[in-house]
Amino acid sequence: MAGRLPACVVDCGTGYTKLGYAGNTEPQFIVPSCIAIKESAKVGSRTVKGVDDLDFFIGDEGIDKPNYATKWPIRHGIVEDWDLMERFMEQVIFKYLRHPPLMLPSIPS
């Protein structure tokens, strides 16, 4: 096991998502569990063309974007929008933990 990173731990909550690696005493990152998408974009449908579906922000960046709708994919501890949740998780792992999502062993909670 020498040279391998520990498992990535992601705790998604209604308000905040906590990220870190197994074995750490506390999360390395705590970010709001929100995603900001363009008002006209419809996730998971054919109305989004080209790179428009890549035009979104997560966490603190997404809260104050004027021309974007801030969505919270988790309500009362239950994922309500899996398309947004997938985009959020991919970006969180890549942006904050700096690894391609499929390269890490993970422990979602």
N, C-alpha and C. Protein backbone atom coordinates (compact mmCIF):
# COMPACT_ATOMS: atom_id res chain seq x y z
N MET A 1 0.81 -1.19 0.00
CA MET A 1 0.00 0.00 0.00
C MET A 1 0.85 1.26 0.00
N ALA A 2 2.16 1.13 -0.05
CA ALA A 2 3.02 2.30 -0.08
C ALA A 2 2.77 3.10 -1.34
N GLY A 3 2.71 4.42 -1.20
CA GLY A 3 2.52 5.29 -2.34
C GLY A 3 1.06 5.52 -2.72
N ARG A 4 0.13 4.88 -2.04
CA ARG A 4 -1.28 5.07 -2.35
C ARG A 4 -1.88 6.11 -1.43
N LEU A 5 -2.78 6.91 -1.99
CA LEU A 5 -3.51 7.88 -1.17
C LEU A 5 -4.56 7.16 -0.34
N PRO A 6 -4.86 7.67 0.85
CA PRO A 6 -5.96 7.09 1.61
C PRO A 6 -7.28 7.38 0.91
N ALA A 7 -8.31 6.69 1.32
CA ALA A 7 -9.64 6.87 0.72
C ALA A 7 -10.13 8.29 0.93
N CYS A 8 -10.85 8.79 -0.04
CA CYS A 8 -11.49 10.10 0.03
C CYS A 8 -12.80 9.94 0.80
N VAL A 9 -13.05 10.82 1.77
CA VAL A 9 -14.28 10.78 2.54
C VAL A 9 -15.09 12.03 2.20
N VAL A 10 -16.33 11.82 1.73
CA VAL A 10 -17.21 12.93 1.36
C VAL A 10 -18.50 12.78 2.14
N ASP A 11 -18.81 13.76 2.97
CA ASP A 11 -20.04 13.75 3.77
C ASP A 11 -20.94 14.86 3.24
N CYS A 12 -21.94 14.48 2.44
CA CYS A 12 -22.86 15.45 1.85
C CYS A 12 -24.04 15.68 2.77
N GLY A 13 -24.22 16.91 3.17
CA GLY A 13 -25.35 17.27 4.01
C GLY A 13 -26.24 18.26 3.30
N THR A 14 -27.38 18.55 3.88
CA THR A 14 -28.32 19.49 3.29
C THR A 14 -27.70 20.87 3.13
N GLY A 15 -26.93 21.32 4.11
CA GLY A 15 -26.34 22.65 4.05
C GLY A 15 -24.90 22.67 3.60
N TYR A 16 -24.11 21.73 4.07
CA TYR A 16 -22.68 21.73 3.78
C TYR A 16 -22.19 20.33 3.42
N THR A 17 -21.14 20.31 2.59
CA THR A 17 -20.45 19.07 2.25
C THR A 17 -19.06 19.15 2.85
N LYS A 18 -18.67 18.08 3.54
CA LYS A 18 -17.35 18.03 4.18
C LYS A 18 -16.49 17.03 3.43
N LEU A 19 -15.24 17.42 3.12
CA LEU A 19 -14.34 16.61 2.31
C LEU A 19 -13.02 16.42 3.02
N GLY A 20 -12.43 15.26 2.82
CA GLY A 20 -11.11 15.00 3.36
C GLY A 20 -10.66 13.61 3.01
N TYR A 21 -9.62 13.16 3.68
CA TYR A 21 -9.08 11.83 3.46
C TYR A 21 -9.24 11.00 4.73
N ALA A 22 -9.40 9.70 4.56
CA ALA A 22 -9.51 8.79 5.69
C ALA A 22 -8.26 8.90 6.55
N GLY A 23 -8.45 8.90 7.85
CA GLY A 23 -7.33 8.99 8.79
C GLY A 23 -7.12 10.39 9.33
N ASN A 24 -7.65 11.41 8.68
CA ASN A 24 -7.54 12.78 9.19
C ASN A 24 -8.54 12.97 10.33
N THR A 25 -8.21 13.85 11.26
CA THR A 25 -9.10 14.06 12.40
C THR A 25 -10.26 14.99 12.09
N GLU A 26 -10.13 15.81 11.05
CA GLU A 26 -11.21 16.73 10.66
C GLU A 26 -11.19 16.91 9.15
N PRO A 27 -12.31 17.39 8.59
CA PRO A 27 -12.36 17.58 7.13
C PRO A 27 -11.37 18.65 6.67
N GLN A 28 -10.83 18.46 5.48
CA GLN A 28 -9.93 19.47 4.91
C GLN A 28 -10.72 20.63 4.33
N PHE A 29 -11.92 20.36 3.83
CA PHE A 29 -12.75 21.38 3.21
C PHE A 29 -14.18 21.24 3.69
N ILE A 30 -14.84 22.38 3.89
CA ILE A 30 -16.27 22.42 4.19
C ILE A 30 -16.85 23.46 3.24
N VAL A 31 -17.74 23.02 2.34
CA VAL A 31 -18.32 23.91 1.33
C VAL A 31 -19.84 23.78 1.34
N PRO A 32 -20.55 24.87 1.02
CA PRO A 32 -22.00 24.77 0.91
C PRO A 32 -22.40 23.74 -0.15
N SER A 33 -23.43 22.98 0.11
CA SER A 33 -23.88 21.92 -0.81
C SER A 33 -24.82 22.49 -1.87
N CYS A 34 -24.35 23.51 -2.58
CA CYS A 34 -25.19 24.15 -3.59
C CYS A 34 -24.47 24.21 -4.93
N ILE A 35 -25.25 24.38 -5.97
CA ILE A 35 -24.73 24.51 -7.32
C ILE A 35 -25.51 25.63 -8.00
N ALA A 36 -24.82 26.52 -8.68
CA ALA A 36 -25.45 27.63 -9.39
C ALA A 36 -25.39 27.35 -10.89
N ILE A 37 -26.57 27.31 -11.51
CA ILE A 37 -26.65 27.08 -12.95
C ILE A 37 -27.34 28.26 -13.61
N LYS A 38 -27.14 28.43 -14.91
CA LYS A 38 -27.81 29.51 -15.63
C LYS A 38 -29.31 29.30 -15.55
N GLU A 39 -30.05 30.40 -15.45
CA GLU A 39 -31.51 30.34 -15.34
C GLU A 39 -32.14 29.57 -16.49
N SER A 40 -31.59 29.72 -17.70
CA SER A 40 -32.20 29.09 -18.88
C SER A 40 -31.80 27.63 -19.05
N ALA A 41 -30.76 27.19 -18.35
CA ALA A 41 -30.27 25.82 -18.53
C ALA A 41 -31.21 24.83 -17.85
N LYS A 42 -31.43 23.71 -18.50
CA LYS A 42 -32.21 22.63 -17.91
C LYS A 42 -31.32 21.40 -17.86
N VAL A 43 -30.96 21.00 -16.67
CA VAL A 43 -30.05 19.87 -16.48
C VAL A 43 -30.77 18.58 -16.87
N GLY A 44 -30.06 17.72 -17.59
CA GLY A 44 -30.61 16.43 -17.96
C GLY A 44 -31.58 16.47 -19.12
N SER A 45 -31.62 17.57 -19.86
CA SER A 45 -32.51 17.65 -21.01
C SER A 45 -31.73 18.08 -22.24
N ARG A 46 -32.39 18.06 -23.36
CA ARG A 46 -31.75 18.41 -24.63
C ARG A 46 -31.67 19.92 -24.85
N THR A 47 -32.25 20.73 -23.98
CA THR A 47 -32.21 22.17 -24.19
C THR A 47 -30.83 22.75 -23.93
N VAL A 48 -29.99 22.05 -23.19
CA VAL A 48 -28.63 22.51 -22.93
C VAL A 48 -27.75 22.05 -24.09
N LYS A 49 -27.08 22.98 -24.74
CA LYS A 49 -26.27 22.66 -25.90
C LYS A 49 -24.81 23.02 -25.64
N GLY A 50 -23.90 22.25 -26.20
CA GLY A 50 -22.48 22.58 -26.15
C GLY A 50 -21.93 22.66 -24.74
N VAL A 51 -21.23 23.75 -24.47
CA VAL A 51 -20.57 23.89 -23.17
C VAL A 51 -21.45 24.57 -22.13
N ASP A 52 -22.69 24.89 -22.47
CA ASP A 52 -23.57 25.53 -21.48
C ASP A 52 -23.76 24.66 -20.24
N ASP A 53 -23.73 23.34 -20.42
CA ASP A 53 -23.90 22.48 -19.25
C ASP A 53 -22.66 22.45 -18.38
N LEU A 54 -21.56 23.02 -18.84
CA LEU A 54 -20.34 23.13 -18.03
C LEU A 54 -20.26 24.47 -17.32
N ASP A 55 -21.21 25.35 -17.59
CA ASP A 55 -21.21 26.69 -17.03
C ASP A 55 -21.99 26.68 -15.72
N PHE A 56 -21.32 26.27 -14.65
CA PHE A 56 -21.95 26.25 -13.33
C PHE A 56 -20.88 26.49 -12.27
N PHE A 57 -21.32 26.84 -11.10
CA PHE A 57 -20.44 27.10 -9.97
C PHE A 57 -20.95 26.32 -8.77
N ILE A 58 -20.03 25.94 -7.88
CA ILE A 58 -20.43 25.18 -6.69
C ILE A 58 -19.99 25.91 -5.43
N GLY A 59 -20.63 25.57 -4.34
CA GLY A 59 -20.22 26.09 -3.03
C GLY A 59 -20.34 27.60 -2.92
N ASP A 60 -19.36 28.20 -2.25
CA ASP A 60 -19.37 29.64 -2.02
C ASP A 60 -19.40 30.44 -3.31
N GLU A 61 -18.74 29.94 -4.36
CA GLU A 61 -18.73 30.65 -5.65
C GLU A 61 -20.13 30.78 -6.22
N GLY A 62 -20.96 29.79 -6.01
CA GLY A 62 -22.28 29.78 -6.62
C GLY A 62 -23.34 30.57 -5.90
N ILE A 63 -23.10 30.93 -4.66
CA ILE A 63 -24.15 31.57 -3.86
C ILE A 63 -24.49 32.97 -4.36
N ASP A 64 -23.51 33.75 -4.77
CA ASP A 64 -23.77 35.15 -5.13
C ASP A 64 -23.64 35.45 -6.62
N LYS A 65 -23.92 34.50 -7.48
CA LYS A 65 -23.86 34.76 -8.92
C LYS A 65 -25.18 35.38 -9.37
N PRO A 66 -25.16 36.61 -9.93
CA PRO A 66 -26.41 37.31 -10.24
C PRO A 66 -27.27 36.68 -11.34
N ASN A 67 -26.68 36.12 -12.38
CA ASN A 67 -27.46 35.56 -13.49
C ASN A 67 -27.60 34.05 -13.41
N TYR A 68 -27.42 33.51 -12.24
CA TYR A 68 -27.48 32.07 -12.04
C TYR A 68 -28.51 31.74 -10.97
N ALA A 69 -29.13 30.59 -11.11
CA ALA A 69 -30.07 30.11 -10.10
C ALA A 69 -29.31 29.18 -9.16
N THR A 70 -29.35 29.47 -7.87
CA THR A 70 -28.68 28.62 -6.89
C THR A 70 -29.62 27.49 -6.49
N LYS A 71 -29.16 26.26 -6.70
CA LYS A 71 -29.96 25.07 -6.39
C LYS A 71 -29.28 24.28 -5.28
N TRP A 72 -30.09 23.67 -4.46
CA TRP A 72 -29.61 22.81 -3.38
C TRP A 72 -30.10 21.40 -3.68
N PRO A 73 -29.25 20.53 -4.22
CA PRO A 73 -29.72 19.21 -4.64
C PRO A 73 -30.16 18.29 -3.49
N ILE A 74 -29.79 18.63 -2.26
CA ILE A 74 -30.18 17.81 -1.10
C ILE A 74 -31.16 18.61 -0.24
N ARG A 75 -32.29 18.00 0.08
CA ARG A 75 -33.28 18.62 0.97
C ARG A 75 -33.58 17.65 2.11
N HIS A 76 -33.48 18.13 3.31
CA HIS A 76 -33.78 17.31 4.50
C HIS A 76 -33.01 15.99 4.49
N GLY A 77 -31.76 16.04 4.02
CA GLY A 77 -30.91 14.86 4.03
C GLY A 77 -31.13 13.88 2.90
N ILE A 78 -32.00 14.21 1.94
CA ILE A 78 -32.31 13.31 0.83
C ILE A 78 -31.97 14.01 -0.49
N VAL A 79 -31.27 13.31 -1.37
CA VAL A 79 -30.94 13.87 -2.68
C VAL A 79 -32.22 13.95 -3.50
N GLU A 80 -32.58 15.17 -3.93
CA GLU A 80 -33.78 15.38 -4.73
C GLU A 80 -33.48 15.55 -6.21
N ASP A 81 -32.28 15.95 -6.56
CA ASP A 81 -31.93 16.15 -7.97
C ASP A 81 -30.59 15.46 -8.24
N TRP A 82 -30.66 14.23 -8.77
CA TRP A 82 -29.45 13.44 -8.97
C TRP A 82 -28.56 14.00 -10.07
N ASP A 83 -29.12 14.66 -11.07
CA ASP A 83 -28.30 15.26 -12.13
C ASP A 83 -27.41 16.36 -11.55
N LEU A 84 -28.01 17.23 -10.75
CA LEU A 84 -27.22 18.29 -10.11
C LEU A 84 -26.23 17.71 -9.11
N MET A 85 -26.63 16.67 -8.39
CA MET A 85 -25.75 16.06 -7.40
C MET A 85 -24.53 15.45 -8.07
N GLU A 86 -24.72 14.82 -9.22
CA GLU A 86 -23.60 14.23 -9.94
C GLU A 86 -22.61 15.31 -10.37
N ARG A 87 -23.12 16.41 -10.91
CA ARG A 87 -22.25 17.51 -11.33
C ARG A 87 -21.52 18.11 -10.12
N PHE A 88 -22.24 18.28 -9.02
CA PHE A 88 -21.65 18.82 -7.80
C PHE A 88 -20.52 17.93 -7.30
N MET A 89 -20.77 16.62 -7.21
CA MET A 89 -19.77 15.69 -6.68
C MET A 89 -18.53 15.62 -7.56
N GLU A 90 -18.71 15.56 -8.87
CA GLU A 90 -17.55 15.52 -9.77
C GLU A 90 -16.69 16.75 -9.59
N GLN A 91 -17.33 17.91 -9.50
CA GLN A 91 -16.58 19.16 -9.36
C GLN A 91 -15.92 19.27 -8.00
N VAL A 92 -16.61 18.86 -6.94
CA VAL A 92 -16.05 18.91 -5.59
C VAL A 92 -14.78 18.06 -5.49
N ILE A 93 -14.84 16.84 -6.00
CA ILE A 93 -13.68 15.95 -5.90
C ILE A 93 -12.53 16.45 -6.76
N PHE A 94 -12.83 16.92 -7.95
CA PHE A 94 -11.77 17.40 -8.84
C PHE A 94 -11.19 18.73 -8.36
N LYS A 95 -12.06 19.66 -7.97
CA LYS A 95 -11.61 21.01 -7.62
C LYS A 95 -10.93 21.07 -6.25
N TYR A 96 -11.53 20.46 -5.25
CA TYR A 96 -11.00 20.59 -3.90
C TYR A 96 -9.95 19.53 -3.57
N LEU A 97 -10.19 18.29 -3.96
CA LEU A 97 -9.24 17.23 -3.65
C LEU A 97 -8.20 17.05 -4.76
N ARG A 98 -8.41 17.73 -5.88
CA ARG A 98 -7.44 17.76 -6.99
C ARG A 98 -7.16 16.40 -7.60
N HIS A 99 -8.17 15.57 -7.72
CA HIS A 99 -8.01 14.26 -8.33
C HIS A 99 -9.18 13.99 -9.28
N PRO A 100 -8.91 13.30 -10.39
CA PRO A 100 -10.04 12.86 -11.23
C PRO A 100 -10.96 11.98 -10.40
N PRO A 101 -12.28 12.16 -10.50
CA PRO A 101 -13.21 11.43 -9.63
C PRO A 101 -13.07 9.92 -9.65
N LEU A 102 -12.73 9.32 -10.75
CA LEU A 102 -12.69 7.86 -10.82
C LEU A 102 -11.37 7.27 -10.32
N MET A 103 -10.41 8.10 -9.96
CA MET A 103 -9.10 7.61 -9.55
C MET A 103 -8.99 7.35 -8.05
N LEU A 104 -9.95 7.80 -7.27
CA LEU A 104 -9.85 7.70 -5.81
C LEU A 104 -10.75 6.62 -5.24
N PRO A 105 -10.24 5.84 -4.30
CA PRO A 105 -11.19 5.05 -3.51
C PRO A 105 -11.98 6.04 -2.66
N SER A 106 -13.27 5.84 -2.52
CA SER A 106 -14.05 6.82 -1.79
C SER A 106 -14.97 6.17 -0.78
N ILE A 107 -15.32 6.95 0.24
CA ILE A 107 -16.26 6.52 1.27
C ILE A 107 -17.32 7.60 1.37
N PRO A 108 -18.41 7.50 0.58
CA PRO A 108 -19.47 8.51 0.71
C PRO A 108 -20.28 8.25 1.97
N SER A 109 -20.77 9.32 2.58
CA SER A 109 -21.61 9.12 3.77
C SER A 109 -22.81 10.03 3.71
